[in-house]
């Protein structure tokens, strides 16, 4: 398949993927599984599949779709975890108002959008009408108050004053949750409002984002300070993928009913086919790709709002136009894009291989098996059920798929069916 090299009409823009998403009538040209090497199969069922019965799924695509739903349910916060975070925010709010009664304490990031993983930190920003707290003195005054009032765990407070965005970092003494506090920066709050709107109006977005964020976190590729792909950028990448997907946008498939197919295609596109050097992502006005090559202002510029032309050729290995500021590349800090791309490509290979192997065994053996468990481990910090697990069957390695394979198994690795 050809790389995406320049803006195209919407229906032709999704060059990396085919559009036969319903019932494939013939197998893809490749007649062997994507890899002949043995990939690790979990020796025991991961916790999100315990007690689940996938024998009625019928199709591998449906199996993976259901497993993704169960994984998302597993990593989503319990009511008690949500209350614990809310109480942690209330404690810092009380501390801040004791120092500055006029200040407003806002949450943003994954906590504000409910796209956080069990051990994700909480991002807080303190704002005022006149921006009076945008100084180093406010950082140290808050840090001292957090210590004195025993809001922070002993020895956990750190002032990062020389960063591009100065922050106070600490760990909440009661909950053990890590919290970052910044001052007078409202952009994160606007971004959170944007993401909340997307989640409410984009079926499948939340589920795909949580899987992608878990993969990045477990590969140590989610920290922007280390060149990873940040949470907001990951959301934008998934959102753009769904915006530019012809079958989703034409209504031929529903994203929230075809999560397995879409996850494989997401990893295939951004891991193997997307031309990062030549193409940027814009999520405004329905979404589009734009050329990163030097250009004059015109219809192919990212914003198209009459503003002076932006230098899209620089500013980072990946260019995602900020929906709230077209001159800003929200992924400019992702200098480790090479490893992010490798992680996505490897994820596609692993999942496709497990789909081939799953299809080679009897549907009656699907009860305690997993596809996603070959890619992800159970995230730390998830509260396990106290009930004794009555599932004793282990996930045995599936027998190797034959060289001829099954057209239905191959379809999920390329562009085929799902639970529509």
Protein backbone atom coordinates (compact mmCIF):
# COMPACT_ATOMS: atom_id res chain seq x y z
CA UNK A 1 0.00 0.00 0.00
CA UNK A 2 1.23 3.47 -0.80
CA UNK A 3 2.10 5.99 1.89
CA UNK A 4 -0.09 9.03 2.36
CA UNK A 5 1.88 11.76 0.66
CA UNK A 6 -0.46 14.67 0.11
CA UNK A 7 -3.96 15.93 0.91
CA UNK A 8 -6.72 14.15 -0.99
CA UNK A 9 -10.52 14.34 -1.13
CA UNK A 10 -12.02 12.86 2.03
CA UNK A 11 -13.19 9.59 0.49
CA UNK A 12 -9.74 8.98 -1.05
CA UNK A 13 -7.72 10.32 1.86
CA UNK A 14 -7.60 7.09 3.80
CA UNK A 15 -5.10 5.55 1.40
CA UNK A 16 -3.58 3.11 3.87
CA UNK A 17 -6.76 1.08 4.32
CA UNK A 18 -9.18 -0.76 2.12
CA UNK A 19 -12.88 -0.14 2.51
CA UNK A 20 -14.35 -3.65 2.37
CA UNK A 21 -15.55 -3.79 5.96
CA UNK A 22 -18.63 -5.98 5.73
CA UNK A 23 -18.57 -9.52 4.42
CA UNK A 24 -15.33 -10.21 2.52
CA UNK A 25 -15.90 -12.47 -0.45
CA UNK A 26 -12.27 -13.46 -1.00
CA UNK A 27 -9.16 -13.71 1.14
CA UNK A 28 -6.47 -11.03 0.94
CA UNK A 29 -3.58 -11.60 -1.43
CA UNK A 30 -1.33 -12.81 1.39
CA UNK A 31 -2.15 -16.46 2.12
CA UNK A 32 0.06 -16.99 5.16
CA UNK A 33 -0.09 -15.50 8.65
CA UNK A 34 1.78 -12.20 9.14
CA UNK A 35 4.60 -13.84 11.08
CA UNK A 36 5.86 -17.38 11.31
CA UNK A 37 7.67 -16.83 14.59
CA UNK A 38 6.02 -17.92 17.79
CA UNK A 39 4.52 -15.07 19.79
CA UNK A 40 3.97 -15.38 23.54
CA UNK A 41 0.50 -16.48 24.55
CA UNK A 42 -0.51 -15.75 28.13
CA UNK A 43 -0.20 -18.79 30.42
CA UNK A 44 -3.30 -17.70 32.36
CA UNK A 45 -6.32 -15.64 31.38
CA UNK A 46 -5.87 -11.92 32.01
CA UNK A 47 -8.29 -10.58 34.59
CA UNK A 48 -10.58 -8.85 32.11
CA UNK A 49 -11.53 -12.16 30.43
CA UNK A 50 -12.06 -14.21 33.59
CA UNK A 51 -15.59 -15.54 33.65
CA UNK A 52 -16.27 -14.31 30.11
CA UNK A 53 -17.62 -16.65 27.47
CA UNK A 54 -16.64 -15.70 23.93
CA UNK A 55 -17.76 -18.98 22.34
CA UNK A 56 -20.84 -17.23 20.92
CA UNK A 57 -18.77 -14.56 19.15
CA UNK A 58 -18.73 -16.58 15.93
CA UNK A 59 -16.10 -14.40 14.24
CA UNK A 60 -12.59 -13.48 15.34
CA UNK A 61 -13.42 -9.82 14.77
CA UNK A 62 -16.39 -10.09 17.12
CA UNK A 63 -14.23 -11.90 19.71
CA UNK A 64 -11.68 -9.07 19.74
CA UNK A 65 -14.42 -6.44 19.81
CA UNK A 66 -15.96 -8.01 22.90
CA UNK A 67 -12.59 -8.42 24.59
CA UNK A 68 -11.80 -4.74 24.05
CA UNK A 69 -15.12 -3.82 25.67
CA UNK A 70 -14.28 -6.06 28.65
CA UNK A 71 -10.78 -4.56 28.91
CA UNK A 72 -12.19 -1.02 28.94
CA UNK A 73 -14.67 -2.00 31.63
CA UNK A 74 -11.83 -3.51 33.65
CA UNK A 75 -9.56 -0.43 33.54
CA UNK A 76 -12.36 2.09 34.05
CA UNK A 77 -12.47 3.61 37.55
CA UNK A 78 -14.72 2.16 40.20
CA UNK A 79 -17.03 4.57 42.08
CA UNK A 80 -14.65 4.47 45.06
CA UNK A 81 -11.64 5.30 42.85
CA UNK A 82 -13.56 8.23 41.38
CA UNK A 83 -14.45 9.48 44.86
CA UNK A 84 -10.84 9.11 45.99
CA UNK A 85 -9.67 11.35 43.15
CA UNK A 86 -12.40 13.89 43.81
CA UNK A 87 -11.36 14.08 47.48
CA UNK A 88 -7.72 14.55 46.48
CA UNK A 89 -8.73 17.50 44.28
CA UNK A 90 -10.84 18.94 47.10
CA UNK A 91 -7.84 18.83 49.46
CA UNK A 92 -5.60 20.85 47.16
CA UNK A 93 -8.51 23.22 46.45
CA UNK A 94 -8.87 23.91 50.17
CA UNK A 95 -5.13 24.50 50.44
CA UNK A 96 -5.12 26.91 47.47
CA UNK A 97 -8.11 28.91 48.70
CA UNK A 98 -6.41 29.29 52.07
CA UNK A 99 -3.57 31.06 50.23
CA UNK A 100 -5.50 32.86 47.51
CA UNK A 101 -9.28 33.06 48.12
CA UNK A 102 -9.89 34.63 44.71
CA UNK A 103 -8.13 31.89 42.73
CA UNK A 104 -9.97 29.28 40.67
CA UNK A 105 -8.81 25.65 40.75
CA UNK A 106 -9.48 23.75 37.52
CA UNK A 107 -8.78 20.15 36.57
CA UNK A 108 -7.76 19.19 33.05
CA UNK A 109 -6.10 16.30 31.25
CA UNK A 110 -7.24 12.70 31.49
CA UNK A 111 -8.93 13.13 34.87
CA UNK A 112 -11.18 15.88 33.53
CA UNK A 113 -12.10 13.80 30.47
CA UNK A 114 -12.45 10.43 32.28
CA UNK A 115 -9.82 8.93 29.96
CA UNK A 116 -7.38 8.18 32.76
CA UNK A 117 -5.74 4.87 33.57
CA UNK A 118 -5.68 3.55 37.16
CA UNK A 119 -2.30 5.11 38.01
CA UNK A 120 -2.63 8.28 35.94
CA UNK A 121 -1.83 11.51 37.70
CA UNK A 122 -4.20 14.47 38.13
CA UNK A 123 -3.49 17.75 36.32
CA UNK A 124 -4.60 20.93 38.06
CA UNK A 125 -4.22 24.56 37.05
CA UNK A 126 -4.69 27.60 39.28
CA UNK A 127 -6.00 30.66 37.43
CA UNK A 128 -6.95 34.20 38.37
CA UNK A 129 -8.61 37.03 36.52
CA UNK A 130 -5.45 39.11 36.30
CA UNK A 131 -2.85 36.32 36.04
CA UNK A 132 -1.24 37.39 39.29
CA UNK A 133 0.07 33.90 40.13
CA UNK A 134 2.26 33.46 37.06
CA UNK A 135 5.46 33.85 39.04
CA UNK A 136 8.02 31.63 40.75
CA UNK A 137 6.96 32.85 44.19
CA UNK A 138 3.53 31.25 43.81
CA UNK A 139 5.13 27.90 43.03
CA UNK A 140 7.16 27.85 46.22
CA UNK A 141 4.36 29.29 48.35
CA UNK A 142 2.02 26.47 47.29
CA UNK A 143 4.74 23.85 47.76
CA UNK A 144 5.34 25.03 51.34
CA UNK A 145 1.60 25.04 52.10
CA UNK A 146 1.17 21.49 50.80
CA UNK A 147 3.92 20.36 53.16
CA UNK A 148 2.77 22.39 56.17
CA UNK A 149 -0.86 21.24 55.90
CA UNK A 150 0.21 17.64 55.27
CA UNK A 151 -1.73 17.48 52.02
CA UNK A 152 1.32 15.99 50.31
CA UNK A 153 3.05 12.78 51.28
CA UNK A 154 6.31 13.31 53.12
CA UNK A 155 9.19 14.04 50.77
CA UNK A 156 7.02 14.04 47.63
CA UNK A 157 6.82 17.77 46.88
CA UNK A 158 8.96 18.98 43.98
CA UNK A 159 9.02 22.41 42.38
CA UNK A 160 9.89 22.32 38.67
CA UNK A 161 10.46 26.02 38.13
CA UNK A 162 12.62 25.99 34.99
CA UNK A 163 10.36 23.92 32.76
CA UNK A 164 8.48 25.37 29.80
CA UNK A 165 5.40 25.05 31.99
CA UNK A 166 6.52 25.43 35.63
CA UNK A 167 4.69 23.07 38.00
CA UNK A 168 4.50 21.82 41.54
CA UNK A 169 4.57 18.02 41.69
CA UNK A 170 3.51 16.02 44.71
CA UNK A 171 1.79 12.83 45.85
CA UNK A 172 -1.46 13.13 47.78
CA UNK A 173 -0.84 11.80 51.29
CA UNK A 174 -4.20 10.04 51.67
CA UNK A 175 -4.81 8.52 48.24
CA UNK A 176 -1.25 8.15 46.95
CA UNK A 177 -2.27 9.81 43.68
CA UNK A 178 0.37 11.91 41.90
CA UNK A 179 -0.74 15.49 41.22
CA UNK A 180 0.79 18.21 39.02
CA UNK A 181 -0.21 21.83 39.64
CA UNK A 182 0.48 24.64 37.18
CA UNK A 183 -0.48 28.31 37.19
CA UNK A 184 -2.26 30.67 34.83
CA UNK A 185 -2.30 28.30 31.83
CA UNK A 186 -5.84 27.88 30.55
CA UNK A 187 -5.02 25.93 27.40
CA UNK A 188 -5.32 22.58 29.13
CA UNK A 189 -8.84 23.39 30.32
CA UNK A 190 -9.88 24.32 26.77
CA UNK A 191 -8.37 21.08 25.50
CA UNK A 192 -10.30 19.08 28.11
CA UNK A 193 -13.56 20.72 27.04
CA UNK A 194 -12.77 19.83 23.43
CA UNK A 195 -12.06 16.19 24.29
CA UNK A 196 -15.24 15.92 26.36
CA UNK A 197 -17.22 17.06 23.33
CA UNK A 198 -15.44 14.52 21.11
CA UNK A 199 -16.05 11.64 23.51
CA UNK A 200 -19.74 12.50 23.77
CA UNK A 201 -20.13 12.65 19.98
CA UNK A 202 -17.66 10.06 18.66
CA UNK A 203 -18.70 6.42 19.16
CA UNK A 204 -15.74 4.15 19.85
CA UNK A 205 -13.33 6.97 20.70
CA UNK A 206 -13.09 6.27 24.43
CA UNK A 207 -12.53 2.53 24.01
CA UNK A 208 -9.80 2.88 21.38
CA UNK A 209 -8.06 5.67 23.31
CA UNK A 210 -7.87 3.61 26.51
CA UNK A 211 -6.31 0.66 24.67
CA UNK A 212 -3.80 2.89 22.86
CA UNK A 213 -2.90 4.78 26.05
CA UNK A 214 -2.37 1.50 27.92
CA UNK A 215 -0.04 0.26 25.18
CA UNK A 216 1.97 3.48 25.24
CA UNK A 217 2.18 3.51 29.03
CA UNK A 218 3.32 -0.12 29.23
CA UNK A 219 5.97 0.52 26.55
CA UNK A 220 7.11 3.65 28.44
CA UNK A 221 6.18 5.82 25.47
CA UNK A 222 3.51 8.04 27.04
CA UNK A 223 5.71 10.59 28.78
CA UNK A 224 6.20 13.73 26.69
CA UNK A 225 9.22 14.68 28.81
CA UNK A 226 10.94 11.60 27.37
CA UNK A 227 9.78 12.20 23.80
CA UNK A 228 6.69 10.01 24.07
CA UNK A 229 3.16 10.58 22.79
CA UNK A 230 1.14 12.49 25.37
CA UNK A 231 -2.44 11.72 26.30
CA UNK A 232 -3.98 14.64 24.40
CA UNK A 233 -1.98 13.80 21.28
CA UNK A 234 -3.06 10.15 21.54
CA UNK A 235 -6.71 11.22 21.72
CA UNK A 236 -6.22 13.44 18.67
CA UNK A 237 -4.57 10.59 16.75
CA UNK A 238 -7.55 8.28 17.39
CA UNK A 239 -10.04 11.06 16.67
CA UNK A 240 -8.36 11.83 13.34
CA UNK A 241 -8.31 8.13 12.47
CA UNK A 242 -12.08 7.90 12.96
CA UNK A 243 -12.70 11.19 11.15
CA UNK A 244 -10.77 10.05 8.09
CA UNK A 245 -12.07 6.48 8.01
CA UNK A 246 -14.32 6.23 4.93
CA UNK A 247 -16.47 3.35 6.20
CA UNK A 248 -17.09 5.08 9.53
CA UNK A 249 -17.85 8.45 8.02
CA UNK A 250 -20.12 7.03 5.32
CA UNK A 251 -22.11 5.15 7.94
CA UNK A 252 -21.32 1.72 6.52
CA UNK A 253 -20.01 0.62 9.92
CA UNK A 254 -20.43 1.89 13.45
CA UNK A 255 -17.14 2.41 15.24
CA UNK A 256 -18.49 1.28 18.60
CA UNK A 257 -19.60 -2.03 17.07
CA UNK A 258 -16.33 -2.77 15.23
CA UNK A 259 -13.63 -2.00 17.78
CA UNK A 260 -11.48 -5.04 16.95
CA UNK A 261 -11.21 -4.25 13.24
CA UNK A 262 -10.61 -0.56 13.92
CA UNK A 263 -7.91 -1.18 16.50
CA UNK A 264 -5.97 -3.36 14.05
CA UNK A 265 -6.37 -0.75 11.33
CA UNK A 266 -5.29 2.07 13.65
CA UNK A 267 -2.04 0.25 14.47
CA UNK A 268 -1.54 -0.66 10.80
CA UNK A 269 -2.00 2.92 9.60
CA UNK A 270 0.13 4.72 12.17
CA UNK A 271 2.65 1.92 12.57
CA UNK A 272 3.31 1.02 8.94
CA UNK A 273 1.79 3.36 6.38
CA UNK A 274 1.39 6.94 7.54
CA UNK A 275 3.90 9.37 6.03
CA UNK A 276 4.72 11.48 9.08
CA UNK A 277 7.32 13.61 7.29
CA UNK A 278 4.90 14.73 4.60
CA UNK A 279 1.47 14.87 6.25
CA UNK A 280 -0.02 16.64 9.26
CA UNK A 281 -3.36 16.12 10.99
CA UNK A 282 -6.09 18.71 11.38
CA UNK A 283 -9.17 17.83 13.42
CA UNK A 284 -11.26 20.92 12.75
CA UNK A 285 -14.20 21.08 10.35
CA UNK A 286 -14.61 17.35 10.11
CA UNK A 287 -10.88 16.62 9.97
CA UNK A 288 -8.38 16.40 7.14
CA UNK A 289 -4.77 15.73 6.28
CA UNK A 290 -2.56 18.56 5.08
CA UNK A 291 0.84 18.73 3.47
CA UNK A 292 3.81 19.57 5.69
CA UNK A 293 5.82 20.68 2.70
CA UNK A 294 6.59 24.42 2.48
CA UNK A 295 3.57 26.17 0.99
CA UNK A 296 1.81 29.44 0.64
CA UNK A 297 -1.46 30.20 2.36
CA UNK A 298 -4.27 28.38 0.62
CA UNK A 299 -6.82 25.63 0.76
CA UNK A 300 -4.21 22.98 1.69
CA UNK A 301 -2.92 24.81 4.74
CA UNK A 302 -3.82 23.29 8.06
CA UNK A 303 -6.08 26.02 9.44
CA UNK A 304 -7.44 27.57 6.26
CA UNK A 305 -8.70 30.50 8.33
CA UNK A 306 -6.90 33.30 6.52
CA UNK A 307 -4.05 33.46 9.04
CA UNK A 308 -0.44 33.81 7.86
CA UNK A 309 1.07 30.55 6.62
CA UNK A 310 2.53 28.21 9.23
CA UNK A 311 5.81 26.33 8.88
CA UNK A 312 4.45 22.79 9.03
CA UNK A 313 7.72 21.27 7.81
CA UNK A 314 9.38 21.94 11.16
CA UNK A 315 8.22 21.68 14.73
CA UNK A 316 8.55 17.96 15.37
CA UNK A 317 8.45 14.51 13.84
CA UNK A 318 4.65 14.41 14.16
CA UNK A 319 2.39 17.37 13.44
CA UNK A 320 -1.07 17.48 15.04
CA UNK A 321 -2.66 20.87 14.69
CA UNK A 322 -4.08 22.14 17.97
CA UNK A 323 -7.87 22.39 17.49
CA UNK A 324 -7.90 25.50 19.68
CA UNK A 325 -4.77 27.15 18.22
CA UNK A 326 -3.93 26.33 14.56
CA UNK A 327 -0.40 27.69 14.96
CA UNK A 328 0.46 25.16 17.67
CA UNK A 329 1.65 21.60 17.11
CA UNK A 330 0.47 19.68 20.18
CA UNK A 331 2.81 16.77 19.39
CA UNK A 332 6.00 18.79 18.91
CA UNK A 333 7.56 17.13 21.96
CA UNK A 334 7.19 13.61 20.54
CA UNK A 335 10.79 13.31 19.37
CA UNK A 336 10.72 9.57 20.09
CA UNK A 337 8.21 9.00 17.29
CA UNK A 338 10.37 6.24 15.82
CA UNK A 339 9.74 4.01 18.82
CA UNK A 340 6.07 5.00 19.02
CA UNK A 341 5.67 3.94 15.40
CA UNK A 342 7.51 0.67 16.10
CA UNK A 343 5.20 -0.01 19.05
CA UNK A 344 2.15 0.48 16.84
CA UNK A 345 3.56 -1.73 14.08
CA UNK A 346 4.46 -4.43 16.60
CA UNK A 347 0.98 -4.22 18.13
CA UNK A 348 -0.57 -4.82 14.72
CA UNK A 349 1.65 -7.85 14.12
CA UNK A 350 0.95 -9.39 17.51
CA UNK A 351 -2.81 -8.91 17.33
CA UNK A 352 -3.02 -10.16 13.75
CA UNK A 353 -0.99 -13.25 14.65
CA UNK A 354 -3.22 -14.04 17.60
CA UNK A 355 -6.29 -13.65 15.39
CA UNK A 356 -4.89 -16.19 12.93
CA UNK A 357 -4.14 -18.63 15.73
CA UNK A 358 -7.51 -18.12 17.41
CA UNK A 359 -9.34 -18.85 14.17
CA UNK A 360 -7.45 -22.14 13.85
CA UNK A 361 -9.02 -23.65 16.98
CA UNK A 362 -12.57 -24.76 17.64
CA UNK A 363 -15.02 -22.05 18.73
CA UNK A 364 -15.77 -24.23 21.74
CA UNK A 365 -12.23 -23.50 22.98
CA UNK A 366 -12.71 -19.72 22.92
CA UNK A 367 -14.16 -19.47 26.44
CA UNK A 368 -10.95 -18.68 28.35
CA UNK A 369 -8.79 -17.39 25.50
CA UNK A 370 -7.50 -13.91 24.83
CA UNK A 371 -6.20 -11.88 21.90
CA UNK A 372 -5.60 -8.56 23.63
CA UNK A 373 -3.79 -10.28 26.49
CA UNK A 374 -0.91 -11.11 24.14
CA UNK A 375 -0.35 -7.36 23.72
CA UNK A 376 -1.26 -5.84 27.08
CA UNK A 377 -0.85 -6.87 30.68
CA UNK A 378 -3.26 -5.93 33.44
CA UNK A 379 -2.54 -2.28 34.33
CA UNK A 380 -1.24 -1.70 37.84
CA UNK A 381 -3.62 -0.02 40.24
CA UNK A 382 -6.81 -1.80 39.17
CA UNK A 383 -8.87 -2.90 42.15
CA UNK A 384 -9.42 -6.64 41.85
CA UNK A 385 -12.69 -8.21 42.92
CA UNK A 386 -12.55 -9.86 46.30
CA UNK A 387 -14.66 -12.73 45.04
CA UNK A 388 -12.73 -15.91 44.42
CA UNK A 389 -12.19 -16.48 40.73
CA UNK A 390 -13.89 -19.69 39.66
CA UNK A 391 -12.18 -19.77 36.30
CA UNK A 392 -9.39 -22.36 36.55
CA UNK A 393 -8.80 -23.00 32.89
CA UNK A 394 -5.60 -21.52 31.54
CA UNK A 395 -5.16 -20.01 28.10
CA UNK A 396 -3.40 -22.69 26.11
CA UNK A 397 -1.46 -21.64 23.01
CA UNK A 398 -3.64 -22.03 19.97
CA UNK A 399 -2.51 -24.53 17.39
CA UNK A 400 -0.61 -22.97 14.53
CA UNK A 401 -2.87 -21.82 11.74
CA UNK A 402 -2.45 -23.69 8.51
CA UNK A 403 -0.59 -22.06 5.67
CA UNK A 404 -3.85 -21.78 3.76
CA UNK A 405 -5.60 -20.13 6.68
CA UNK A 406 -9.16 -18.90 6.76
CA UNK A 407 -10.54 -16.03 4.75
CA UNK A 408 -12.48 -14.87 7.79
CA UNK A 409 -9.38 -14.84 10.00
CA UNK A 410 -7.37 -12.99 7.39
CA UNK A 411 -10.10 -10.40 6.92
CA UNK A 412 -9.61 -8.89 10.37
CA UNK A 413 -5.89 -8.48 9.70
CA UNK A 414 -6.61 -6.48 6.57
CA UNK A 415 -10.01 -4.86 6.21
CA UNK A 416 -12.74 -7.37 6.83
CA UNK A 417 -15.85 -7.83 8.89
CA UNK A 418 -16.81 -7.16 12.44
CA UNK A 419 -19.75 -6.99 14.74
CA UNK A 420 -21.83 -4.62 12.64
